[in-house]
């Protein structure tokens, strides 16, 4: 499923009241979130979309903040996967109303260790 399809599916679920945004409150204007991915994947699952929507809510509440979206991959994954992850997350931010000019997309590439903490996209804002 493409990212737009996931966003549309999540939007439909939210409209039906089947799901809710994360219970976590909007973060501070100098905080961030981490979006996790399964090994070898660049598509966002529902948990990942929830984290991106938390970032959207925070960036909406902090209009002067600029986001840096950095993709990571663990050892053994393709280096390009981290770039795909970051691009997908940035795309969801933009599709949910964040001006593309407020987003810097970076690729950290492959980490040294093969562990789930490295399969992520970090979104930080300042």
N, C-alpha and C. Protein backbone atom coordinates (compact mmCIF):
# COMPACT_ATOMS: atom_id res chain seq x y z
N UNK A 1 0.85 -1.18 0.00
CA UNK A 1 0.00 0.00 0.00
C UNK A 1 0.89 1.23 0.00
N UNK A 2 0.56 2.19 -0.78
CA UNK A 2 1.32 3.43 -0.84
C UNK A 2 0.99 4.29 0.37
N UNK A 3 1.87 5.25 0.65
CA UNK A 3 1.70 6.13 1.81
C UNK A 3 0.35 6.84 1.77
N UNK A 4 -0.02 7.38 0.64
CA UNK A 4 -1.30 8.08 0.54
C UNK A 4 -2.46 7.17 0.93
N UNK A 5 -2.36 5.89 0.56
CA UNK A 5 -3.39 4.93 0.92
C UNK A 5 -3.45 4.70 2.42
N UNK A 6 -2.29 4.66 3.05
CA UNK A 6 -2.25 4.49 4.50
C UNK A 6 -2.86 5.70 5.18
N UNK A 7 -2.50 6.89 4.72
CA UNK A 7 -3.04 8.11 5.32
C UNK A 7 -4.55 8.15 5.13
N UNK A 8 -5.03 7.77 3.95
CA UNK A 8 -6.47 7.75 3.70
C UNK A 8 -7.15 6.73 4.59
N UNK A 9 -6.54 5.56 4.75
CA UNK A 9 -7.12 4.52 5.61
C UNK A 9 -7.17 4.98 7.05
N UNK A 10 -6.12 5.59 7.53
CA UNK A 10 -6.09 6.09 8.90
C UNK A 10 -7.13 7.19 9.06
N UNK A 11 -7.23 8.08 8.08
CA UNK A 11 -8.23 9.14 8.14
C UNK A 11 -9.64 8.58 8.20
N UNK A 12 -9.89 7.54 7.43
CA UNK A 12 -11.22 6.91 7.45
C UNK A 12 -11.49 6.28 8.81
N UNK A 13 -10.50 5.62 9.37
CA UNK A 13 -10.66 5.01 10.69
C UNK A 13 -10.91 6.07 11.75
N UNK A 14 -10.16 7.17 11.68
CA UNK A 14 -10.36 8.25 12.65
C UNK A 14 -11.76 8.84 12.51
N UNK A 15 -12.21 9.02 11.28
CA UNK A 15 -13.54 9.58 11.05
C UNK A 15 -14.62 8.66 11.61
N UNK A 16 -14.38 7.35 11.56
CA UNK A 16 -15.34 6.39 12.08
C UNK A 16 -15.22 6.21 13.59
N UNK A 17 -14.19 6.79 14.17
CA UNK A 17 -14.00 6.65 15.61
C UNK A 17 -13.37 5.33 16.00
N UNK A 18 -12.78 4.61 15.04
CA UNK A 18 -12.20 3.30 15.32
C UNK A 18 -10.83 3.41 15.97
N UNK A 19 -10.18 4.48 15.73
CA UNK A 19 -8.84 4.67 16.26
C UNK A 19 -8.75 6.07 16.84
N UNK A 20 -7.68 6.32 17.56
CA UNK A 20 -7.48 7.66 18.09
C UNK A 20 -6.02 8.01 17.93
N UNK A 21 -5.75 9.29 17.93
CA UNK A 21 -4.36 9.73 17.93
C UNK A 21 -3.71 9.24 19.20
N UNK A 22 -2.40 9.18 19.26
CA UNK A 22 -1.74 8.73 20.47
C UNK A 22 -2.23 9.52 21.68
N UNK A 23 -2.36 8.83 22.81
CA UNK A 23 -2.83 9.47 24.03
C UNK A 23 -1.82 10.50 24.53
N UNK A 24 -0.60 10.39 24.05
CA UNK A 24 0.46 11.30 24.44
C UNK A 24 0.09 12.73 24.03
N UNK A 25 0.29 13.71 24.91
CA UNK A 25 -0.05 15.08 24.54
C UNK A 25 0.93 15.64 23.51
N UNK A 26 0.58 16.78 22.95
CA UNK A 26 1.48 17.46 22.03
C UNK A 26 2.81 17.70 22.74
N UNK A 27 3.88 17.42 22.05
CA UNK A 27 5.20 17.60 22.64
C UNK A 27 5.60 19.06 22.64
N UNK A 28 6.72 19.36 23.29
CA UNK A 28 7.18 20.74 23.34
C UNK A 28 7.74 21.16 21.98
N UNK A 29 7.90 22.46 21.80
CA UNK A 29 8.42 22.99 20.53
C UNK A 29 9.90 22.70 20.33
N UNK A 30 10.55 22.03 21.25
CA UNK A 30 11.96 21.67 21.07
C UNK A 30 12.17 20.19 21.36
N UNK A 31 11.24 19.37 20.94
CA UNK A 31 11.28 17.95 21.21
C UNK A 31 11.35 17.16 19.90
N UNK A 32 10.96 15.91 19.92
CA UNK A 32 10.96 15.11 18.71
C UNK A 32 10.27 13.79 18.94
N UNK A 33 10.12 13.01 17.86
CA UNK A 33 9.56 11.68 17.94
C UNK A 33 10.40 10.73 17.11
N UNK A 34 10.23 9.45 17.38
CA UNK A 34 10.91 8.43 16.62
C UNK A 34 9.86 7.53 15.99
N UNK A 35 9.99 7.31 14.70
CA UNK A 35 9.05 6.48 13.94
C UNK A 35 9.77 5.17 13.63
N UNK A 36 9.26 4.07 14.13
CA UNK A 36 9.93 2.76 13.99
C UNK A 36 9.38 1.99 12.78
N UNK A 37 10.25 1.16 12.20
CA UNK A 37 9.91 0.36 11.04
C UNK A 37 10.32 -1.09 11.26
N UNK A 38 9.59 -2.04 10.68
CA UNK A 38 10.04 -3.43 10.70
C UNK A 38 11.28 -3.58 9.80
N UNK A 39 12.04 -4.61 10.04
CA UNK A 39 13.24 -4.86 9.24
C UNK A 39 12.89 -4.94 7.76
N UNK A 40 13.63 -4.20 6.96
CA UNK A 40 13.48 -4.22 5.52
C UNK A 40 12.32 -3.40 4.98
N UNK A 41 11.57 -2.72 5.84
CA UNK A 41 10.38 -1.99 5.41
C UNK A 41 10.62 -0.48 5.39
N UNK A 42 9.94 0.19 4.46
CA UNK A 42 9.96 1.64 4.41
C UNK A 42 8.55 2.21 4.50
N UNK A 43 7.54 1.33 4.48
CA UNK A 43 6.16 1.78 4.57
C UNK A 43 5.77 1.96 6.03
N UNK A 44 4.95 2.95 6.28
CA UNK A 44 4.51 3.25 7.64
C UNK A 44 3.33 2.35 8.01
N UNK A 45 3.42 1.76 9.22
CA UNK A 45 2.27 1.02 9.74
C UNK A 45 1.45 1.99 10.59
N UNK A 46 0.38 1.53 11.22
CA UNK A 46 -0.50 2.43 11.97
C UNK A 46 0.21 3.08 13.14
N UNK A 47 1.10 2.36 13.84
CA UNK A 47 1.85 2.96 14.94
C UNK A 47 2.74 4.09 14.44
N UNK A 48 3.39 3.86 13.30
CA UNK A 48 4.27 4.88 12.72
C UNK A 48 3.46 6.11 12.31
N UNK A 49 2.30 5.89 11.70
CA UNK A 49 1.45 7.01 11.30
C UNK A 49 1.04 7.82 12.52
N UNK A 50 0.74 7.13 13.61
CA UNK A 50 0.39 7.83 14.85
C UNK A 50 1.49 8.75 15.34
N UNK A 51 2.74 8.28 15.25
CA UNK A 51 3.87 9.12 15.66
C UNK A 51 4.04 10.31 14.73
N UNK A 52 3.83 10.09 13.43
CA UNK A 52 3.94 11.21 12.48
C UNK A 52 2.83 12.22 12.74
N UNK A 53 1.62 11.74 13.04
CA UNK A 53 0.52 12.65 13.33
C UNK A 53 0.76 13.43 14.62
N UNK A 54 1.45 12.83 15.57
CA UNK A 54 1.85 13.56 16.78
C UNK A 54 2.81 14.69 16.40
N UNK A 55 3.74 14.39 15.49
CA UNK A 55 4.66 15.43 15.02
C UNK A 55 3.90 16.54 14.28
N UNK A 56 2.90 16.15 13.48
CA UNK A 56 2.09 17.14 12.77
C UNK A 56 1.39 18.06 13.77
N UNK A 57 0.77 17.48 14.79
CA UNK A 57 0.06 18.28 15.79
C UNK A 57 1.01 19.24 16.50
N UNK A 58 2.21 18.76 16.81
CA UNK A 58 3.18 19.60 17.50
C UNK A 58 3.67 20.71 16.58
N UNK A 59 3.97 20.39 15.34
CA UNK A 59 4.43 21.40 14.39
C UNK A 59 3.34 22.43 14.11
N UNK A 60 2.09 21.99 14.10
CA UNK A 60 0.98 22.94 13.96
C UNK A 60 0.93 23.89 15.16
N UNK A 61 1.21 23.35 16.35
CA UNK A 61 1.17 24.17 17.57
C UNK A 61 2.40 25.06 17.70
N UNK A 62 3.44 24.77 16.96
CA UNK A 62 4.70 25.53 17.01
C UNK A 62 5.02 26.02 15.59
N UNK A 63 4.32 27.03 15.10
CA UNK A 63 4.45 27.42 13.69
C UNK A 63 5.84 27.91 13.29
N UNK A 64 6.66 28.33 14.24
CA UNK A 64 8.01 28.79 13.89
C UNK A 64 9.02 27.64 13.84
N UNK A 65 8.61 26.46 14.29
CA UNK A 65 9.53 25.31 14.35
C UNK A 65 9.77 24.74 12.96
N UNK A 66 11.00 24.26 12.77
CA UNK A 66 11.39 23.58 11.53
C UNK A 66 11.76 22.15 11.90
N UNK A 67 11.36 21.20 11.07
CA UNK A 67 11.58 19.79 11.36
C UNK A 67 12.76 19.25 10.57
N UNK A 68 13.54 18.39 11.22
CA UNK A 68 14.57 17.62 10.53
C UNK A 68 14.15 16.16 10.61
N UNK A 69 13.98 15.54 9.45
CA UNK A 69 13.55 14.15 9.33
C UNK A 69 14.76 13.35 8.87
N UNK A 70 15.24 12.44 9.75
CA UNK A 70 16.46 11.68 9.46
C UNK A 70 16.16 10.19 9.43
N UNK A 71 16.44 9.57 8.29
CA UNK A 71 16.22 8.13 8.14
C UNK A 71 17.43 7.33 8.59
N UNK A 72 17.16 6.19 9.22
CA UNK A 72 18.21 5.28 9.70
C UNK A 72 17.88 3.86 9.25
N UNK A 73 18.89 3.05 9.09
CA UNK A 73 18.73 1.62 8.79
C UNK A 73 19.74 0.86 9.63
N UNK A 74 19.46 -0.40 9.91
CA UNK A 74 20.44 -1.15 10.68
C UNK A 74 21.36 -1.95 9.76
N UNK A 75 22.38 -2.49 10.35
CA UNK A 75 23.38 -3.24 9.59
C UNK A 75 22.70 -4.38 8.84
N UNK A 76 23.02 -4.51 7.58
CA UNK A 76 22.45 -5.57 6.77
C UNK A 76 21.28 -5.11 5.92
N UNK A 77 20.71 -3.95 6.23
CA UNK A 77 19.65 -3.42 5.38
C UNK A 77 20.30 -2.56 4.29
N UNK A 78 19.61 -2.37 3.21
CA UNK A 78 20.13 -1.52 2.15
C UNK A 78 20.28 -0.09 2.65
N UNK A 79 21.39 0.54 2.31
CA UNK A 79 21.62 1.92 2.73
C UNK A 79 20.51 2.85 2.23
N UNK A 80 20.02 2.60 1.04
CA UNK A 80 18.97 3.45 0.47
C UNK A 80 17.66 3.37 1.26
N UNK A 81 17.49 2.31 2.04
CA UNK A 81 16.26 2.14 2.80
C UNK A 81 16.05 3.29 3.79
N UNK A 82 17.12 3.77 4.38
CA UNK A 82 16.99 4.89 5.32
C UNK A 82 16.48 6.15 4.60
N UNK A 83 16.92 6.35 3.37
CA UNK A 83 16.44 7.50 2.59
C UNK A 83 14.97 7.34 2.22
N UNK A 84 14.55 6.13 1.85
CA UNK A 84 13.15 5.89 1.53
C UNK A 84 12.27 6.12 2.75
N UNK A 85 12.73 5.65 3.92
CA UNK A 85 11.97 5.85 5.16
C UNK A 85 11.78 7.34 5.44
N UNK A 86 12.86 8.09 5.34
CA UNK A 86 12.79 9.54 5.61
C UNK A 86 11.87 10.23 4.62
N UNK A 87 11.97 9.88 3.35
CA UNK A 87 11.12 10.49 2.32
C UNK A 87 9.64 10.17 2.56
N UNK A 88 9.35 8.95 2.97
CA UNK A 88 7.96 8.57 3.24
C UNK A 88 7.39 9.35 4.42
N UNK A 89 8.18 9.50 5.47
CA UNK A 89 7.73 10.25 6.65
C UNK A 89 7.52 11.72 6.28
N UNK A 90 8.45 12.30 5.55
CA UNK A 90 8.31 13.70 5.12
C UNK A 90 7.07 13.87 4.27
N UNK A 91 6.79 12.91 3.41
CA UNK A 91 5.60 12.96 2.56
C UNK A 91 4.32 12.99 3.39
N UNK A 92 4.27 12.19 4.45
CA UNK A 92 3.08 12.18 5.32
C UNK A 92 2.95 13.51 6.05
N UNK A 93 4.07 14.09 6.47
CA UNK A 93 4.02 15.41 7.12
C UNK A 93 3.41 16.43 6.16
N UNK A 94 3.88 16.45 4.93
CA UNK A 94 3.40 17.41 3.93
C UNK A 94 1.93 17.16 3.61
N UNK A 95 1.55 15.90 3.43
CA UNK A 95 0.15 15.57 3.11
C UNK A 95 -0.79 15.94 4.25
N UNK A 96 -0.24 16.13 5.44
CA UNK A 96 -1.06 16.51 6.58
C UNK A 96 -0.89 17.97 6.96
N UNK A 97 -0.43 18.78 5.99
CA UNK A 97 -0.47 20.22 6.15
C UNK A 97 0.81 20.92 6.57
N UNK A 98 1.91 20.20 6.75
CA UNK A 98 3.17 20.86 7.11
C UNK A 98 3.84 21.34 5.83
N UNK A 99 4.15 22.61 5.80
CA UNK A 99 4.79 23.22 4.62
C UNK A 99 6.14 22.55 4.37
N UNK A 100 6.35 22.10 3.14
CA UNK A 100 7.59 21.40 2.76
C UNK A 100 8.83 22.23 3.08
N UNK A 101 8.71 23.54 3.06
CA UNK A 101 9.86 24.41 3.34
C UNK A 101 10.28 24.36 4.80
N UNK A 102 9.43 23.82 5.66
CA UNK A 102 9.77 23.68 7.08
C UNK A 102 10.47 22.35 7.39
N UNK A 103 10.69 21.52 6.36
CA UNK A 103 11.21 20.17 6.57
C UNK A 103 12.55 19.98 5.87
N UNK A 104 13.54 19.52 6.63
CA UNK A 104 14.83 19.12 6.07
C UNK A 104 14.89 17.61 6.17
N UNK A 105 15.14 16.93 5.04
CA UNK A 105 15.20 15.47 5.01
C UNK A 105 16.66 15.05 4.92
N UNK A 106 17.06 14.17 5.84
CA UNK A 106 18.45 13.68 5.88
C UNK A 106 18.46 12.16 5.86
N UNK A 107 19.60 11.62 5.46
CA UNK A 107 19.80 10.18 5.40
C UNK A 107 21.04 9.83 6.23
N UNK A 108 20.83 9.17 7.36
CA UNK A 108 21.97 8.77 8.19
C UNK A 108 22.57 7.47 7.70
N UNK A 109 21.84 6.75 6.87
CA UNK A 109 22.37 5.50 6.31
C UNK A 109 22.30 4.35 7.28
N UNK A 110 23.27 3.46 7.13
CA UNK A 110 23.31 2.22 7.88
C UNK A 110 24.06 2.40 9.19
N UNK A 111 23.49 1.90 10.27
CA UNK A 111 24.14 1.92 11.58
C UNK A 111 25.07 0.72 11.70
N UNK A 112 25.95 0.75 12.67
CA UNK A 112 26.93 -0.31 12.87
C UNK A 112 26.27 -1.61 13.31
N UNK A 113 25.35 -1.53 14.26
CA UNK A 113 24.73 -2.72 14.83
C UNK A 113 23.42 -3.05 14.13
N UNK A 114 23.09 -4.32 14.11
CA UNK A 114 21.80 -4.76 13.58
C UNK A 114 20.84 -4.90 14.75
N UNK A 115 20.05 -3.87 15.00
CA UNK A 115 19.06 -3.92 16.07
C UNK A 115 17.89 -3.03 15.73
N UNK A 116 16.75 -3.32 16.32
CA UNK A 116 15.51 -2.63 15.95
C UNK A 116 15.56 -1.13 16.21
N UNK A 117 16.35 -0.68 17.19
CA UNK A 117 16.44 0.76 17.47
C UNK A 117 17.00 1.54 16.28
N UNK A 118 17.70 0.87 15.39
CA UNK A 118 18.28 1.54 14.23
C UNK A 118 17.33 1.60 13.04
N UNK A 119 16.21 0.90 13.11
CA UNK A 119 15.24 0.90 12.01
C UNK A 119 14.19 1.97 12.31
N UNK A 120 14.56 3.22 12.03
CA UNK A 120 13.69 4.31 12.44
C UNK A 120 13.91 5.55 11.57
N UNK A 121 12.99 6.48 11.76
CA UNK A 121 13.15 7.84 11.27
C UNK A 121 12.96 8.74 12.48
N UNK A 122 13.93 9.60 12.73
CA UNK A 122 13.77 10.56 13.81
C UNK A 122 13.26 11.87 13.23
N UNK A 123 12.31 12.45 13.94
CA UNK A 123 11.78 13.76 13.57
C UNK A 123 12.07 14.67 14.76
N UNK A 124 12.92 15.66 14.55
CA UNK A 124 13.20 16.63 15.60
C UNK A 124 12.84 18.00 15.06
N UNK A 125 12.45 18.87 15.94
CA UNK A 125 12.10 20.23 15.53
C UNK A 125 12.63 21.22 16.51
N UNK A 126 12.90 22.41 15.99
CA UNK A 126 13.43 23.51 16.81
C UNK A 126 12.91 24.81 16.26
